[in-house]
C-alpha atoms as a PDB file:
ATOM      1  CA  PHE A   1    -138.741 -10.060  61.943  1.00  0.00           C
ATOM      2  CA  PRO A   2    -140.386 -13.330  62.245  1.00  0.00           C
ATOM      3  CA  GLU A   3    -143.755 -13.111  64.470  1.00  0.00           C
ATOM      4  CA  GLY A   4    -143.126 -15.525  66.889  1.00  0.00           C
ATOM      5  CA  ALA A   5    -139.798 -15.528  67.193  1.00  0.00           C
ATOM      6  CA  ASN A   6    -137.994 -15.315  70.482  1.00  0.00           C
ATOM      7  CA  TYR A   7    -134.623 -13.294  69.844  1.00  0.00           C
ATOM      8  CA  GLY A   8    -134.335 -13.075  73.859  1.00  0.00           C
ATOM      9  CA  ARG A   9    -134.033 -16.539  74.610  1.00  0.00           C
ATOM     10  CA  GLU A  10    -130.514 -18.226  76.014  1.00  0.00           C
ATOM     11  CA  ASN A  11    -129.757 -20.531  72.555  1.00  0.00           C
ATOM     12  CA  LEU A  12    -130.001 -18.012  70.170  1.00  0.00           C
ATOM     13  CA  ILE A  13    -127.124 -17.774  67.561  1.00  0.00           C
ATOM     14  CA  VAL A  14    -126.327 -14.252  66.360  1.00  0.00           C
ATOM     15  CA  ALA A  15    -124.207 -13.840  63.380  1.00  0.00           C
ATOM     16  CA  VAL A  16    -121.977 -11.067  63.737  1.00  0.00           C
ATOM     17  CA  LEU A  17    -120.619  -9.710  60.192  1.00  0.00           C
ATOM     18  CA  GLY A  18    -117.764  -7.345  59.989  1.00  0.00           C
ATOM     19  CA  SER A  19    -114.256  -6.267  59.840  1.00  0.00           C
ATOM     20  CA  HIS A  20    -114.575  -3.592  62.316  1.00  0.00           C
ATOM     21  CA  ALA A  21    -113.476  -5.020  65.748  1.00  0.00           C
ATOM     22  CA  THR A  22    -115.289  -2.402  68.311  1.00  0.00           C
ATOM     23  CA  LEU A  23    -118.254  -1.285  65.854  1.00  0.00           C
ATOM     24  CA  SER A  24    -118.875  -5.220  65.519  1.00  0.00           C
ATOM     25  CA  ASN A  25    -118.516  -5.816  69.656  1.00  0.00           C
ATOM     26  CA  GLU A  26    -120.713  -2.527  70.295  1.00  0.00           C
ATOM     27  CA  SER A  27    -123.608  -4.129  68.140  1.00  0.00           C
ATOM     28  CA  ILE A  28    -123.201  -6.958  69.959  1.00  0.00           C
ATOM     29  CA  THR A  29    -123.118  -5.492  73.164  1.00  0.00           C
ATOM     30  CA  MET A  30    -126.233  -3.763  73.213  1.00  0.00           C
ATOM     31  CA  ILE A  31    -128.545  -6.931  72.583  1.00  0.00           C
ATOM     32  CA  GLN A  32    -127.071  -8.993  74.841  1.00  0.00           C
ATOM     33  CA  LYS A  33    -127.385  -5.676  78.017  1.00  0.00           C
ATOM     34  CA  PHE A  34    -130.486  -4.924  76.242  1.00  0.00           C
ATOM     35  CA  ILE A  35    -131.951  -8.371  75.903  1.00  0.00           C
ATOM     36  CA  ASN A  36    -130.070 -11.167  77.198  1.00  0.00           C
ATOM     37  CA  PRO A  37    -126.182 -11.339  77.933  1.00  0.00           C
ATOM     38  CA  SER A  38    -126.270 -15.398  77.309  1.00  0.00           C
ATOM     39  CA  ILE A  39    -127.268 -14.760  73.964  1.00  0.00           C
ATOM     40  CA  LYS A  40    -124.359 -16.551  71.634  1.00  0.00           C
ATOM     41  CA  ALA A  41    -122.258 -14.386  69.273  1.00  0.00           C
ATOM     42  CA  VAL A  42    -120.060 -15.503  66.450  1.00  0.00           C
ATOM     43  CA  PHE A  43    -117.872 -13.116  64.702  1.00  0.00           C
ATOM     44  CA  TYR A  44    -117.166 -12.956  61.242  1.00  0.00           C
ATOM     45  CA  GLY A  45    -114.672 -10.751  59.045  1.00  0.00           C
ATOM     46  CA  LEU A  46    -112.592  -9.782  62.243  1.00  0.00           C
ATOM     47  CA  GLU A  47    -108.774 -10.850  62.460  1.00  0.00           C
ATOM     48  CA  TRP A  48    -107.963 -13.271  65.484  1.00  0.00           C
ATOM     49  CA  ARG A  49    -105.829 -10.530  67.629  1.00  0.00           C
ATOM     50  CA  TRP A  50    -109.082  -9.622  68.696  1.00  0.00           C
ATOM     51  CA  CYS A  51    -109.624 -12.905  70.842  1.00  0.00           C
ATOM     52  CA  ASN A  52    -106.867 -11.511  72.933  1.00  0.00           C
ATOM     53  CA  LEU A  53    -107.604  -7.553  73.358  1.00  0.00           C
ATOM     54  CA  LEU A  54    -111.347  -8.038  73.586  1.00  0.00           C
ATOM     55  CA  GLN A  55    -112.334 -11.137  74.421  1.00  0.00           C
ATOM     56  CA  MET A  56    -114.082 -11.687  70.992  1.00  0.00           C
ATOM     57  CA  CYS A  57    -113.413 -15.452  70.741  1.00  0.00           C
ATOM     58  CA  ASP A  58    -116.085 -16.972  68.966  1.00  0.00           C
ATOM     59  CA  HIS A  59    -115.154 -16.561  65.425  1.00  0.00           C
ATOM     60  CA  GLY A  60    -116.562 -18.340  61.949  1.00  0.00           C
ATOM     61  CA  ASP A  61    -114.780 -19.305  59.312  1.00  0.00           C
ATOM     62  CA  GLU A  62    -111.664 -16.965  59.247  1.00  0.00           C
ATOM     63  CA  LYS A  63    -111.823 -16.885  55.439  1.00  0.00           C
ATOM     64  CA  LEU A  64    -114.376 -14.502  55.412  1.00  0.00           C
ATOM     65  CA  GLY A  65    -112.215 -11.508  56.722  1.00  0.00           C
ATOM     66  CA  GLN A  66    -109.093 -12.637  54.501  1.00  0.00           C
ATOM     67  CA  ILE A  67    -111.507 -11.551  51.255  1.00  0.00           C
ATOM     68  CA  PHE A  68    -113.088  -8.288  52.826  1.00  0.00           C
ATOM     69  CA  LYS A  69    -109.381  -7.615  53.558  1.00  0.00           C
ATOM     70  CA  GLN A  70    -107.993  -8.707  49.909  1.00  0.00           C
ATOM     71  CA  GLN A  71    -111.177  -7.193  48.228  1.00  0.00           C
ATOM     72  CA  GLU A  72    -110.478  -3.701  50.303  1.00  0.00           C
ATOM     73  CA  MET A  73    -106.376  -3.632  48.905  1.00  0.00           C
ATOM     74  CA  ASP A  74    -107.319  -4.341  45.183  1.00  0.00           C
ATOM     75  CA  PRO A  75    -111.377  -4.093  44.657  1.00  0.00           C
ATOM     76  CA  HIS A  76    -111.045  -4.355  40.565  1.00  0.00           C
ATOM     77  CA  ASN A  77    -109.556  -7.884  41.158  1.00  0.00           C
ATOM     78  CA  TRP A  78    -112.810  -9.365  42.956  1.00  0.00           C
ATOM     79  CA  PRO A  79    -116.129  -8.589  40.547  1.00  0.00           C
ATOM     80  CA  TRP A  80    -119.230  -9.052  42.040  1.00  0.00           C
ATOM     81  CA  ASP A  81    -119.464 -12.930  40.937  1.00  0.00           C
ATOM     82  CA  ARG A  82    -116.353 -14.392  42.389  1.00  0.00           C
ATOM     83  CA  LEU A  83    -116.936 -12.409  45.515  1.00  0.00           C
ATOM     84  CA  TYR A  84    -120.700 -14.126  45.702  1.00  0.00           C
ATOM     85  CA  ALA A  85    -119.062 -17.790  45.224  1.00  0.00           C
ATOM     86  CA  GLU A  86    -116.145 -17.441  47.944  1.00  0.00           C
ATOM     87  CA  ILE A  87    -119.319 -16.310  50.133  1.00  0.00           C
ATOM     88  CA  GLU A  88    -121.536 -18.841  48.966  1.00  0.00           C
ATOM     89  CA  SER A  89    -118.717 -21.592  49.780  1.00  0.00           C
ATOM     90  CA  ILE A  90    -118.013 -20.512  53.147  1.00  0.00           C
ATOM     91  CA  TRP A  91    -121.765 -19.802  53.628  1.00  0.00           C
ATOM     92  CA  ASN A  92    -121.989 -23.990  52.642  1.00  0.00           C
ATOM     93  CA  THR A  93    -119.297 -25.196  55.240  1.00  0.00           C
ATOM     94  CA  ASP A  94    -119.735 -22.595  58.099  1.00  0.00           C
ATOM     95  CA  GLN A  95    -122.683 -24.423  60.438  1.00  0.00           C
ATOM     96  CA  TYR A  96    -122.591 -21.299  62.786  1.00  0.00           C
ATOM     97  CA  LEU A  97    -123.467 -18.905  59.710  1.00  0.00           C
ATOM     98  CA  LYS A  98    -126.078 -21.260  58.017  1.00  0.00           C
ATOM     99  CA  HIS A  99    -128.302 -22.115  60.879  1.00  0.00           C
ATOM    100  CA  ALA A 100    -127.966 -18.321  62.465  1.00  0.00           C
ATOM    101  CA  GLU A 101    -131.044 -17.337  63.270  1.00  0.00           C
ATOM    102  CA  LEU A 102    -130.251 -12.986  63.301  1.00  0.00           C
ATOM    103  CA  LEU A 103    -127.291 -11.828  60.638  1.00  0.00           C
ATOM    104  CA  LEU A 104    -125.858  -8.661  63.309  1.00  0.00           C
ATOM    105  CA  CYS A 105    -124.468  -6.586  60.370  1.00  0.00           C
ATOM    106  CA  THR A 106    -121.873  -3.514  60.664  1.00  0.00           C
ATOM    107  CA  GLU A 107    -119.845  -3.548  57.200  1.00  0.00           C
ATOM    108  CA  PRO A 108    -119.421  -4.207  54.687  1.00  0.00           C
ATOM    109  CA  VAL A 109    -123.112  -4.347  53.629  1.00  0.00           C
ATOM    110  CA  ILE A 110    -122.710  -6.443  50.662  1.00  0.00           C
ATOM    111  CA  GLY A 111    -121.469  -9.265  52.267  1.00  0.00           C
ATOM    112  CA  CYS A 112    -124.491  -9.563  54.762  1.00  0.00           C
ATOM    113  CA  LEU A 113    -126.794  -8.683  51.668  1.00  0.00           C
ATOM    114  CA  MET A 114    -125.532 -11.736  49.909  1.00  0.00           C
ATOM    115  CA  ILE A 115    -125.700 -14.161  53.216  1.00  0.00           C
ATOM    116  CA  LYS A 116    -128.924 -13.065  53.160  1.00  0.00           C
ATOM    117  CA  LYS A 117    -129.829 -13.412  49.558  1.00  0.00           C
ATOM    118  CA  LEU A 118    -128.027 -17.041  50.219  1.00  0.00           C
ATOM    119  CA  ALA A 119    -130.286 -18.047  53.179  1.00  0.00           C
ATOM    120  CA  LEU A 120    -133.497 -16.623  50.615  1.00  0.00           C
ATOM    121  CA  ARG A 121    -132.467 -19.298  47.886  1.00  0.00           C
ATOM    122  CA  GLU A 122    -132.657 -21.896  50.482  1.00  0.00           C
ATOM    123  CA  GLY A 123    -135.850 -20.863  51.540  1.00  0.00           C
ATOM    124  CA  ARG A 124    -135.396 -19.191  54.304  1.00  0.00           C
ATOM    125  CA  VAL A 125    -135.842 -15.670  55.621  1.00  0.00           C
ATOM    126  CA  LEU A 126    -132.818 -14.602  58.045  1.00  0.00           C
ATOM    127  CA  PRO A 127    -133.590 -11.389  59.913  1.00  0.00           C
ATOM    128  CA  LEU A 128    -131.011  -8.564  59.244  1.00  0.00           C
ATOM    129  CA  LEU A 129    -130.132  -5.986  61.927  1.00  0.00           C
ATOM    130  CA  GLY A 130    -127.613  -3.454  60.329  1.00  0.00           C
ATOM    131  CA  TYR A 131    -125.417  -1.203  62.906  1.00  0.00           C
ATOM    132  CA  MET A 132    -123.692   0.988  59.658  1.00  0.00           C
ATOM    133  CA  GLY A 133    -120.451   2.619  60.743  1.00  0.00           C
ATOM    134  CA  VAL A 134    -119.298   3.309  56.891  1.00  0.00           C
ATOM    135  CA  ALA A 135    -120.644   3.972  53.882  1.00  0.00           C
ATOM    136  CA  LEU A 136    -123.246   1.501  52.037  1.00  0.00           C
ATOM    137  CA  LEU A 137    -121.291   0.762  48.847  1.00  0.00           C
ATOM    138  CA  GLN A 138    -118.135  -0.147  51.206  1.00  0.00           C
ATOM    139  CA  GLY A 139    -116.624  -3.307  49.389  1.00  0.00           C
ATOM    140  CA  VAL A 140    -118.941  -3.036  46.702  1.00  0.00           C
ATOM    141  CA  PRO A 141    -116.971  -4.135  43.449  1.00  0.00           C
ATOM    142  CA  PRO A 142    -116.375  -0.751  41.337  1.00  0.00           C
ATOM    143  CA  THR A 143    -118.029  -2.073  37.759  1.00  0.00           C
ATOM    144  CA  GLU A 144    -120.656  -3.264  39.575  1.00  0.00           C
ATOM    145  CA  VAL A 145    -122.073  -0.900  41.797  1.00  0.00           C
ATOM    146  CA  HIS A 146    -125.515  -1.219  39.673  1.00  0.00           C
ATOM    147  CA  ARG A 147    -125.838  -4.699  41.424  1.00  0.00           C
ATOM    148  CA  PHE A 148    -125.621  -3.749  44.563  1.00  0.00           C
ATOM    149  CA  TRP A 149    -128.420  -0.984  44.444  1.00  0.00           C
ATOM    150  CA  GLU A 150    -130.667  -3.936  42.764  1.00  0.00           C
ATOM    151  CA  LEU A 151    -129.749  -6.231  45.258  1.00  0.00           C
ATOM    152  CA  PHE A 152    -130.624  -3.644  48.079  1.00  0.00           C
ATOM    153  CA  GLN A 153    -134.002  -3.011  46.544  1.00  0.00           C
ATOM    154  CA  GLU A 154    -135.017  -6.318  46.535  1.00  0.00           C
ATOM    155  CA  LEU A 155    -133.875  -7.227  49.870  1.00  0.00           C
ATOM    156  CA  VAL A 156    -134.462  -4.083  51.957  1.00  0.00           C
ATOM    157  CA  ILE A 157    -136.580  -1.571  49.883  1.00  0.00           C
ATOM    158  CA  ASP A 158    -139.248  -4.271  48.627  1.00  0.00           C
ATOM    159  CA  ASP A 159    -138.760  -6.765  51.384  1.00  0.00           C
ATOM    160  CA  PRO A 160    -142.178  -8.113  51.954  1.00  0.00           C
ATOM    161  CA  HIS A 161    -141.284  -9.845  55.520  1.00  0.00           C
ATOM    162  CA  GLY A 162    -139.662  -6.407  56.925  1.00  0.00           C
ATOM    163  CA  SER A 163    -136.887  -8.531  58.261  1.00  0.00           C
ATOM    164  CA  VAL A 164    -134.182  -5.953  57.735  1.00  0.00           C
ATOM    165  CA  ILE A 165    -134.113  -2.947  60.210  1.00  0.00           C
ATOM    166  CA  LEU A 166    -131.076  -0.385  59.425  1.00  0.00           C
ATOM    167  CA  SER A 167    -129.538   2.205  61.921  1.00  0.00           C
ATOM    168  CA  SER A 168    -126.218   4.331  61.687  1.00  0.00           C
ATOM    169  CA  ASN A 169    -123.988   4.967  64.432  1.00  0.00           C
ATOM    170  CA  ASN A 170    -123.901   8.765  63.575  1.00  0.00           C
ATOM    171  CA  LEU A 171    -125.571  11.575  61.673  1.00  0.00           C
ATOM    172  CA  ILE A 172    -123.858  11.972  58.644  1.00  0.00           C
ATOM    173  CA  LEU A 173    -124.098   8.569  57.549  1.00  0.00           C
ATOM    174  CA  SER A 174    -127.895   8.643  58.037  1.00  0.00           C
ATOM    175  CA  GLU A 175    -127.857  11.376  56.137  1.00  0.00           C
ATOM    176  CA  GLN A 176    -125.718   9.826  53.792  1.00  0.00           C
ATOM    177  CA  MET A 177    -127.909   6.846  53.435  1.00  0.00           C
ATOM    178  CA  TYR A 178    -130.663   9.099  53.105  1.00  0.00           C
ATOM    179  CA  TYR A 179    -129.676  11.034  50.118  1.00  0.00           C
ATOM    180  CA  GLN A 180    -128.625   7.260  48.556  1.00  0.00           C
ATOM    181  CA  THR A 181    -131.681   5.460  49.545  1.00  0.00           C
ATOM    182  CA  GLY A 182    -134.778   7.459  50.657  1.00  0.00           C
ATOM    183  CA  ILE A 183    -134.737   5.915  53.804  1.00  0.00           C
ATOM    184  CA  ARG A 184    -134.519   7.566  57.154  1.00  0.00           C
ATOM    185  CA  VAL A 185    -132.535   5.500  59.216  1.00  0.00           C
ATOM    186  CA  PRO A 186    -132.096   6.155  63.269  1.00  0.00           C
ATOM    187  CA  VAL A 187    -128.941   7.068  64.369  1.00  0.00           C
ATOM    188  CA  VAL A 188    -128.003   4.880  67.789  1.00  0.00           C
ATOM    189  CA  ARG A 189    -124.930   6.450  69.218  1.00  0.00           C
ATOM    190  CA  ALA A 190    -122.030   4.480  70.471  1.00  0.00           C
ATOM    191  CA  HIS A 191    -121.457   3.924  74.267  1.00  0.00           C
ATOM    192  CA  GLY A 192    -118.598   1.597  74.492  1.00  0.00           C
ATOM    193  CA  LEU A 193    -119.928  -0.240  77.605  1.00  0.00           C
ATOM    194  CA  TYR A 194    -117.717  -3.387  76.502  1.00  0.00           C
ATOM    195  CA  THR A 195    -115.000  -1.670  77.694  1.00  0.00           C
ATOM    196  CA  GLY A 196    -116.085  -2.284  81.771  1.00  0.00           C
ATOM    197  CA  VAL A 197    -113.818   0.085  83.040  1.00  0.00           C
ATOM    198  CA  SER A 198    -113.497   3.905  83.461  1.00  0.00           C
ATOM    199  CA  TYR A 199    -111.338   6.706  84.536  1.00  0.00           C
ATOM    200  CA  ALA A 200    -108.401   5.636  86.943  1.00  0.00           C
ATOM    201  CA  PRO A 201    -105.308   8.272  86.823  1.00  0.00           C
ATOM    202  CA  LEU A 202    -103.004   5.939  88.623  1.00  0.00           C
ATOM    203  CA  ARG A 203     -99.967   7.910  86.285  1.00  0.00           C
ATOM    204  CA  PRO A 204    -100.914  11.360  87.077  1.00  0.00           C
ATOM    205  CA  SER A 205     -97.945  12.593  85.199  1.00  0.00           C
ATOM    206  CA  GLN A 206     -98.361  11.009  81.737  1.00  0.00           C
ATOM    207  CA  VAL A 207    -100.440  11.710  78.585  1.00  0.00           C
ATOM    208  CA  LEU A 208    -101.409   9.213  76.227  1.00  0.00           C
ATOM    209  CA  LEU A 209    -100.925  10.278  72.517  1.00  0.00           C
ATOM    210  CA  TRP A 210    -102.886   8.061  70.537  1.00  0.00           C
ATOM    211  CA  ARG A 211    -102.095   6.682  67.169  1.00  0.00           C
ATOM    212  CA  ALA A 212    -103.537   8.216  64.355  1.00  0.00           C
ATOM    213  CA  PRO A 213    -102.905   7.585  59.944  1.00  0.00           C
ATOM    214  CA  LEU A 214    -102.305  11.144  59.636  1.00  0.00           C
ATOM    215  CA  TYR A 215     -98.988  12.867  58.385  1.00  0.00           C
ATOM    216  CA  VAL A 216     -99.665  15.255  61.352  1.00  0.00           C
ATOM    217  CA  TYR A 217     -99.076  13.112  64.034  1.00  0.00           C
ATOM    218  CA  GLU A 218     -95.762  11.849  63.469  1.00  0.00           C
ATOM    219  CA  PRO A 219     -94.449  15.254  63.852  1.00  0.00           C
ATOM    220  CA  LEU A 220     -96.681  16.088  66.489  1.00  0.00           C
ATOM    221  CA  GLY A 221     -95.045  13.211  68.279  1.00  0.00           C
ATOM    222  CA  CYS A 222     -91.887  14.593  67.503  1.00  0.00           C
ATOM    223  CA  ALA A 223     -92.752  18.477  68.358  1.00  0.00           C
ATOM    224  CA  LEU A 224     -93.824  17.287  71.803  1.00  0.00           C
ATOM    225  CA  ASP A 225     -90.267  15.385  72.444  1.00  0.00           C
ATOM    226  CA  ARG A 226     -88.336  18.171  71.611  1.00  0.00           C
ATOM    227  CA  PHE A 227     -90.894  20.172  74.034  1.00  0.00           C
ATOM    228  CA  ILE A 228     -89.683  18.174  76.539  1.00  0.00           C
ATOM    229  CA  GLU A 229     -86.195  18.080  76.121  1.00  0.00           C
ATOM    230  CA  ARG A 230     -86.229  21.829  76.285  1.00  0.00           C
ATOM    231  CA  THR A 231     -88.527  22.004  79.138  1.00  0.00           C
ATOM    232  CA  PRO A 232     -87.606  19.230  81.963  1.00  0.00           C
ATOM    233  CA  GLU A 233     -89.401  20.735  84.410  1.00  0.00           C
ATOM    234  CA  TYR A 234     -92.799  20.225  82.460  1.00  0.00           C
ATOM    235  CA  PRO A 235     -94.839  17.940  84.782  1.00  0.00           C
ATOM    236  CA  LEU A 236     -96.557  16.169  82.049  1.00  0.00           C
ATOM    237  CA  ARG A 237     -94.676  13.345  79.755  1.00  0.00           C
ATOM    238  CA  PHE A 238     -96.103  12.051  76.460  1.00  0.00           C
ATOM    239  CA  GLU A 239     -96.377   8.215  75.547  1.00  0.00           C
ATOM    240  CA  ALA A 240     -97.167   7.958  72.004  1.00  0.00           C
ATOM    241  CA  MET A 241     -99.328   4.470  70.941  1.00  0.00           C
ATOM    242  CA  GLY A 242     -97.803   4.118  67.528  1.00  0.00           C
ATOM    243  CA  ASP A 243     -98.910   1.233  64.937  1.00  0.00           C
ATOM    244  CA  GLY A 244     -98.431  -1.991  66.639  1.00  0.00           C
ATOM    245  CA  ILE A 245     -98.973  -0.930  70.214  1.00  0.00           C
ATOM    246  CA  SER A 246    -101.968  -2.049  71.578  1.00  0.00           C
ATOM    247  CA  MET A 247    -102.958  -1.552  75.039  1.00  0.00           C
ATOM    248  CA  SER A 248    -105.928  -3.065  77.592  1.00  0.00           C
ATOM    249  CA  TYR A 249    -108.803  -0.777  78.353  1.00  0.00           C
ATOM    250  CA  SER A 250    -107.657  -1.222  82.005  1.00  0.00           C
ATOM    251  CA  GLU A 251    -104.197   0.254  80.928  1.00  0.00           C
ATOM    252  CA  ILE A 252    -105.800   2.751  79.041  1.00  0.00           C
ATOM    253  CA  VAL A 253    -107.875   4.663  81.447  1.00  0.00           C
ATOM    254  CA  GLN A 254    -104.461   4.701  84.046  1.00  0.00           C
ATOM    255  CA  PHE A 255    -103.593   7.933  81.886  1.00  0.00           C
ATOM    256  CA  ARG A 256    -103.953  11.649  83.129  1.00  0.00           C
ATOM    257  CA  ALA A 257    -105.675  12.607  79.846  1.00  0.00           C
ATOM    258  CA  THR A 258    -105.453  11.498  76.131  1.00  0.00           C
ATOM    259  CA  VAL A 259    -104.388  13.596  73.333  1.00  0.00           C
ATOM    260  CA  LEU A 260    -106.756  12.246  70.114  1.00  0.00           C
ATOM    261  CA  ILE A 261    -106.415  13.644  66.565  1.00  0.00           C
ATOM    262  CA  PRO A 262    -109.547  12.334  64.666  1.00  0.00           C
ATOM    263  CA  TRP A 263    -109.173  11.152  61.032  1.00  0.00           C
ATOM    264  CA  ASP A 264    -112.652  10.621  60.513  1.00  0.00           C
ATOM    265  CA  HIS A 265    -116.138  12.264  61.175  1.00  0.00           C
ATOM    266  CA  GLN A 266    -117.105   9.226  63.758  1.00  0.00           C
ATOM    267  CA  LEU A 267    -114.274   7.420  65.928  1.00  0.00           C
ATOM    268  CA  MET A 268    -115.347   4.368  67.986  1.00  0.00           C
ATOM    269  CA  THR A 269    -112.134   5.142  69.903  1.00  0.00           C
ATOM    270  CA  PHE A 270    -113.548   8.791  70.709  1.00  0.00           C
ATOM    271  CA  CYS A 271    -117.259   6.909  72.375  1.00  0.00           C
ATOM    272  CA  GLU A 272    -115.055   4.510  74.121  1.00  0.00           C
ATOM    273  CA  LEU A 273    -112.772   7.336  75.722  1.00  0.00           C
ATOM    274  CA  TYR A 274    -115.491   9.492  76.076  1.00  0.00           C
ATOM    275  CA  SER A 275    -117.458   6.717  78.427  1.00  0.00           C
ATOM    276  CA  MET A 276    -114.987   6.086  80.142  1.00  0.00           C
ATOM    277  CA  GLY A 277    -114.587   9.516  81.220  1.00  0.00           C
ATOM    278  CA  VAL A 278    -111.454   9.944  80.205  1.00  0.00           C
ATOM    279  CA  PRO A 279    -110.340  13.995  79.812  1.00  0.00           C
ATOM    280  CA  LEU A 280    -109.410  14.630  76.092  1.00  0.00           C
ATOM    281  CA  PHE A 281    -107.520  16.942  74.599  1.00  0.00           C
ATOM    282  CA  MET A 282    -108.542  17.349  70.681  1.00  0.00           C
ATOM    283  CA  PRO A 283    -108.063  19.967  68.102  1.00  0.00           C
ATOM    284  CA  SER A 284    -109.982  23.328  67.651  1.00  0.00           C
ATOM    285  CA  ALA A 285    -113.172  22.513  65.215  1.00  0.00           C
ATOM    286  CA  ASN A 286    -110.991  24.365  62.188  1.00  0.00           C
ATOM    287  CA  TRP A 287    -108.055  21.945  62.902  1.00  0.00           C
ATOM    288  CA  MET A 288    -110.304  18.491  62.755  1.00  0.00           C
ATOM    289  CA  TYR A 289    -112.046  19.875  59.455  1.00  0.00           C
ATOM    290  CA  ARG A 290    -108.768  20.056  57.777  1.00  0.00           C
ATOM    291  CA  PHE A 291    -107.903  16.220  59.304  1.00  0.00           C
ATOM    292  CA  ILE A 292    -110.848  14.703  58.468  1.00  0.00           C
ATOM    293  CA  TYR A 293    -111.419  15.816  54.906  1.00  0.00           C
ATOM    294  CA  GLN A 294    -107.820  16.570  53.853  1.00  0.00           C
END
């Protein structure tokens, strides 16, 4: 990073780019807790609902998040030049993004690299600190992957300023990045310290069934309901957190335990629950492998 830069000062502006709210929150929390809690973070790529849920209310241009969402739904309709032009338009009009002194990147990486390229075009080296939670090629136009690797080579591998530092929140992604790039990035485990709460089982007879985008989720919830109907003397009751249902962390820690069915090899939800000290019921290893890689 630039020599003499003072990243601990209070008026430092950090642009946090990522469409995954808790991954973004994890990365900026690390910086604020270990460097300076008053560092100003402006979030790009998030939906506004996270303002109420996680108090992540300093948002930049909403259009950036909309672009990432549309691009994910229909990647073939977002070729490289269109994606770059849209991000360039936001760069030219959003003052926080244009004058940020540090770019904290989670995902998609392509958006971060394009912003860094725009800064470089104006003669400014914008330091990029990456905290990866998804694959490098997330959000890359399918027919122009070669252009991503060319940009990655230019801005990361051949960077004469050493202004890019990458890390991963899990070992599998770290190994994948090593296979793709030859770069060994450190694994920095997530802790979910931003929740600010600990296990407090004020609902000793209730177990939370955490939502999961898996076929098995609905049948399991149904089976548990039928089980309770047939065994009214059973001391526990299950409450499903279905789609559209949100709970604060202070509510979650009140349940006796949580049932979590993983749908990916690294879940921020697991890190949060584990760090809060919530007892977890999870499938056996054999079941989990089948869910994650189905």
